[in-house]
Amino acid sequence: MKYKSYIFDLDGTLLDSLTDIAASCNYALRMNNMPERSIDEVRMFVGNGVRKLMERAIPGGDNNELFEKTYSDFRQHYLIHNVDHTSPYSGILNMLGELKKNGCNIAVVSNKFYAATQELVRHFFGEYVTVAIGERENIKKKPSPDTVLEALRQLDVDKNSAVYIGDSDVDVMTAQNCGMPCISVLWGFRSKQFLIEHGASVFVEKPSEILSL
């Protein structure tokens, strides 16, 4: 294999989680008498962390006087309901199993808040993923390189033998900021044309293709 270490984004890359994210978003909006959002709107809101998701979903963003309450309502609801409909994309578990069998290092780096990232990775990928990092206060989130570099540090590996895999423009920028190659997946939350427009150049249409790159 060309790479020894694989750093994965979570939502839209490993996990089909959009339905649960949208449900928690709309629950929080509904509880605060705000208009709900369509699944396609939420699809375009995600990628920069939960706070930014809610800034985009809430009328007036974080200037809305009910922003903090609505944001808190989302977090509380999502921690309870984050596996109601969420599951790995088809082929993901087999791909991770092959990487593990070949002695590769595997980490997940997400802009999802830390507790949910840890819980979901442990629930779905505990036997494959040794390092999982989510959004937390003391480290800059993607597209800053900080969380990816922290994952590499915890894996005790060099970035020169690592590749970053994600589904969004944020992931392309993250890889660029880390000085790492990027593989963009086409089963996630962004279209191929959108990714091309944001600098993506290497694509896979199914998880097994990652093994041959």
Protein backbone atom coordinates (compact mmCIF):
# COMPACT_ATOMS: atom_id res chain seq x y z
CA MET A 1 0.00 0.00 0.00
CA LYS A 2 1.17 3.52 -0.81
CA TYR A 3 0.27 4.98 2.60
CA LYS A 4 0.89 3.73 6.12
CA SER A 5 -1.57 6.03 7.91
CA TYR A 6 -5.14 6.98 6.97
CA ILE A 7 -6.86 10.00 8.55
CA PHE A 8 -10.60 10.03 7.90
CA ASP A 9 -13.29 12.66 8.22
CA LEU A 10 -16.41 11.22 9.90
CA ASP A 11 -19.75 12.61 8.67
CA GLY A 12 -20.26 12.07 4.95
CA THR A 13 -17.07 10.02 4.72
CA LEU A 14 -17.40 7.06 7.08
CA LEU A 15 -20.90 7.66 8.42
CA ASP A 16 -24.20 8.40 6.67
CA SER A 17 -25.38 10.67 9.47
CA LEU A 18 -27.28 13.44 7.69
CA THR A 19 -30.78 12.26 8.71
CA ASP A 20 -29.94 12.35 12.43
CA ILE A 21 -28.12 15.69 12.16
CA ALA A 22 -31.11 17.22 10.35
CA ALA A 23 -33.56 15.74 12.85
CA SER A 24 -31.69 17.27 15.81
CA CYS A 25 -31.33 20.58 13.98
CA ASN A 26 -35.06 20.73 13.30
CA TYR A 27 -35.92 19.61 16.82
CA ALA A 28 -33.91 22.54 18.20
CA LEU A 29 -35.46 24.99 15.73
CA ARG A 30 -38.96 23.69 16.45
CA MET A 31 -38.50 23.97 20.22
CA ASN A 32 -37.64 27.64 19.78
CA ASN A 33 -40.41 28.50 17.29
CA MET A 34 -38.05 28.87 14.34
CA PRO A 35 -38.65 27.61 10.79
CA GLU A 36 -37.31 24.13 10.11
CA ARG A 37 -34.76 23.35 7.40
CA SER A 38 -34.85 20.84 4.56
CA ILE A 39 -32.43 17.92 4.43
CA ASP A 40 -30.68 19.53 1.45
CA GLU A 41 -30.24 22.79 3.35
CA VAL A 42 -28.72 20.94 6.30
CA ARG A 43 -26.46 19.01 3.88
CA MET A 44 -24.87 22.30 2.82
CA PHE A 45 -24.74 23.68 6.38
CA VAL A 46 -22.56 20.89 7.78
CA GLY A 47 -18.77 20.62 7.63
CA ASN A 48 -17.56 23.42 9.87
CA GLY A 49 -18.76 22.12 13.23
CA VAL A 50 -22.08 22.17 15.06
CA ARG A 51 -21.95 25.82 16.10
CA LYS A 52 -21.48 26.93 12.49
CA LEU A 53 -24.27 24.54 11.43
CA MET A 54 -26.65 26.25 13.84
CA GLU A 55 -25.42 29.72 12.87
CA ARG A 56 -26.47 28.86 9.32
CA ALA A 57 -29.76 27.25 10.33
CA ILE A 58 -31.01 29.85 12.84
CA PRO A 59 -32.54 33.08 11.48
CA GLY A 60 -30.04 35.84 12.27
CA GLY A 61 -27.33 33.34 13.18
CA ASP A 62 -25.57 33.87 16.48
CA ASN A 63 -27.06 37.37 16.73
CA ASN A 64 -30.43 35.76 17.45
CA GLU A 65 -31.22 36.15 21.17
CA LEU A 66 -32.24 32.48 21.32
CA PHE A 67 -29.08 31.23 19.60
CA GLU A 68 -27.34 29.76 22.66
CA LYS A 69 -30.48 27.98 23.84
CA THR A 70 -31.19 26.57 20.38
CA TYR A 71 -27.57 25.46 19.99
CA SER A 72 -27.73 23.76 23.40
CA ASP A 73 -31.03 22.07 22.47
CA PHE A 74 -29.36 20.62 19.38
CA ARG A 75 -26.42 19.23 21.33
CA GLN A 76 -28.60 17.64 24.00
CA HIS A 77 -30.93 16.06 21.45
CA TYR A 78 -28.13 14.84 19.19
CA LEU A 79 -26.22 13.11 21.98
CA ILE A 80 -29.33 10.99 22.63
CA HIS A 81 -30.42 10.44 19.01
CA ASN A 82 -27.15 10.31 17.04
CA VAL A 83 -27.50 6.63 16.08
CA ASP A 84 -31.26 6.57 15.36
CA HIS A 85 -30.66 6.41 11.60
CA THR A 86 -26.88 6.74 11.30
CA SER A 87 -24.78 3.90 9.92
CA PRO A 88 -21.51 3.37 8.04
CA TYR A 89 -21.74 3.72 4.27
CA SER A 90 -21.75 0.44 2.35
CA GLY A 91 -18.24 -0.97 2.08
CA ILE A 92 -16.70 1.15 4.83
CA LEU A 93 -16.26 -1.62 7.39
CA ASN A 94 -14.68 -3.96 4.83
CA MET A 95 -12.28 -1.20 3.74
CA LEU A 96 -11.27 -0.41 7.33
CA GLY A 97 -10.82 -4.12 7.99
CA GLU A 98 -8.43 -4.42 5.05
CA LEU A 99 -6.42 -1.41 6.20
CA LYS A 100 -6.20 -2.88 9.69
CA LYS A 101 -5.18 -6.29 8.33
CA ASN A 102 -2.38 -4.63 6.37
CA GLY A 103 -1.02 -2.96 9.49
CA CYS A 104 -2.12 0.57 8.64
CA ASN A 105 -2.75 3.27 11.23
CA ILE A 106 -6.30 4.65 11.23
CA ALA A 107 -7.60 7.85 12.84
CA VAL A 108 -10.77 9.93 12.63
CA VAL A 109 -10.70 13.73 12.75
CA SER A 110 -14.06 15.50 12.81
CA ASN A 111 -15.50 18.97 13.38
CA LYS A 112 -18.35 17.28 15.24
CA PHE A 113 -18.19 18.06 18.96
CA TYR A 114 -15.82 15.85 20.89
CA ALA A 115 -18.25 13.74 22.93
CA ALA A 116 -20.33 12.76 19.89
CA THR A 117 -17.23 12.00 17.80
CA GLN A 118 -15.85 9.72 20.49
CA GLU A 119 -19.18 7.96 21.00
CA LEU A 120 -19.87 7.34 17.32
CA VAL A 121 -16.36 6.14 16.51
CA ARG A 122 -16.36 3.80 19.50
CA HIS A 123 -19.84 2.49 18.59
CA PHE A 124 -19.23 1.83 14.90
CA PHE A 125 -15.45 1.56 14.44
CA GLY A 126 -13.98 0.68 17.82
CA GLU A 127 -12.04 -2.33 16.55
CA TYR A 128 -10.43 -0.38 13.70
CA VAL A 129 -9.85 3.21 14.81
CA THR A 130 -7.29 3.90 17.52
CA VAL A 131 -7.46 7.71 17.56
CA ALA A 132 -10.60 9.88 17.27
CA ILE A 133 -10.53 13.65 17.64
CA GLY A 134 -13.54 15.97 17.61
CA GLU A 135 -14.11 19.67 18.13
CA ARG A 136 -12.97 20.93 21.51
CA GLU A 137 -12.11 24.33 22.95
CA ASN A 138 -8.33 24.04 23.19
CA ILE A 139 -7.61 23.12 19.57
CA LYS A 140 -8.52 24.77 16.26
CA LYS A 141 -10.96 22.81 14.14
CA LYS A 142 -10.62 22.00 10.45
CA PRO A 143 -9.58 23.41 8.00
CA SER A 144 -6.84 24.35 10.45
CA PRO A 145 -4.27 21.52 10.45
CA ASP A 146 -4.20 21.30 14.26
CA THR A 147 -6.56 18.34 14.81
CA VAL A 148 -5.00 16.27 12.02
CA LEU A 149 -1.50 16.94 13.32
CA GLU A 150 -2.68 15.98 16.80
CA ALA A 151 -4.02 12.71 15.41
CA LEU A 152 -0.67 11.99 13.75
CA ARG A 153 1.08 12.79 17.03
CA GLN A 154 -1.16 10.37 18.94
CA LEU A 155 -0.56 7.70 16.29
CA ASP A 156 3.16 8.48 16.56
CA VAL A 157 3.54 8.61 12.77
CA ASP A 158 4.96 10.99 10.20
CA LYS A 159 2.66 12.91 7.86
CA ASN A 160 4.87 11.96 4.91
CA SER A 161 3.39 8.45 4.92
CA ALA A 162 -0.19 9.61 5.63
CA VAL A 163 -3.23 10.50 3.53
CA TYR A 164 -6.34 12.47 4.45
CA ILE A 165 -9.78 11.30 3.28
CA GLY A 166 -12.96 13.40 3.33
CA ASP A 167 -16.08 14.44 1.46
CA SER A 168 -16.09 18.24 1.57
CA ASP A 169 -14.31 21.44 0.61
CA VAL A 170 -13.31 21.77 4.27
CA ASP A 171 -11.49 18.44 3.98
CA VAL A 172 -9.66 19.50 0.81
CA MET A 173 -8.48 22.68 2.57
CA THR A 174 -7.51 20.71 5.68
CA ALA A 175 -5.28 18.38 3.68
CA GLN A 176 -3.71 21.35 1.88
CA ASN A 177 -3.04 23.10 5.18
CA CYS A 178 -1.41 19.93 6.52
CA GLY A 179 0.73 19.44 3.42
CA MET A 180 -0.85 16.02 2.92
CA PRO A 181 -2.44 14.30 -0.09
CA CYS A 182 -6.24 14.22 -0.10
CA ILE A 183 -8.69 11.61 -1.34
CA SER A 184 -12.21 12.98 -1.88
CA VAL A 185 -15.10 10.53 -1.59
CA LEU A 186 -18.13 10.91 -3.85
CA TRP A 187 -20.77 9.26 -1.65
CA GLY A 188 -20.84 12.09 0.90
CA PHE A 189 -22.43 15.51 1.32
CA ARG A 190 -20.88 17.34 -1.67
CA SER A 191 -21.01 16.78 -5.43
CA LYS A 192 -17.97 16.03 -7.57
CA GLN A 193 -18.34 19.35 -9.40
CA PHE A 194 -18.46 21.25 -6.11
CA LEU A 195 -15.32 19.45 -4.93
CA ILE A 196 -13.48 20.14 -8.19
CA GLU A 197 -14.34 23.82 -7.85
CA HIS A 198 -12.78 23.75 -4.38
CA GLY A 199 -9.53 22.13 -5.42
CA ALA A 200 -10.15 18.38 -5.14
CA SER A 201 -8.28 16.25 -7.67
CA VAL A 202 -8.32 12.61 -6.47
CA PHE A 203 -11.72 10.89 -6.21
CA VAL A 204 -13.15 7.54 -5.20
CA GLU A 205 -16.67 6.32 -5.93
CA LYS A 206 -16.65 3.43 -3.45
CA PRO A 207 -14.63 2.67 -0.29
CA SER A 208 -12.73 -0.29 -1.78
CA GLU A 209 -11.02 2.09 -4.24
CA ILE A 210 -9.16 3.69 -1.32
CA LEU A 211 -7.19 0.46 -0.93
CA SER A 212 -5.62 0.80 -4.38
CA LEU A 213 -4.54 4.43 -4.07
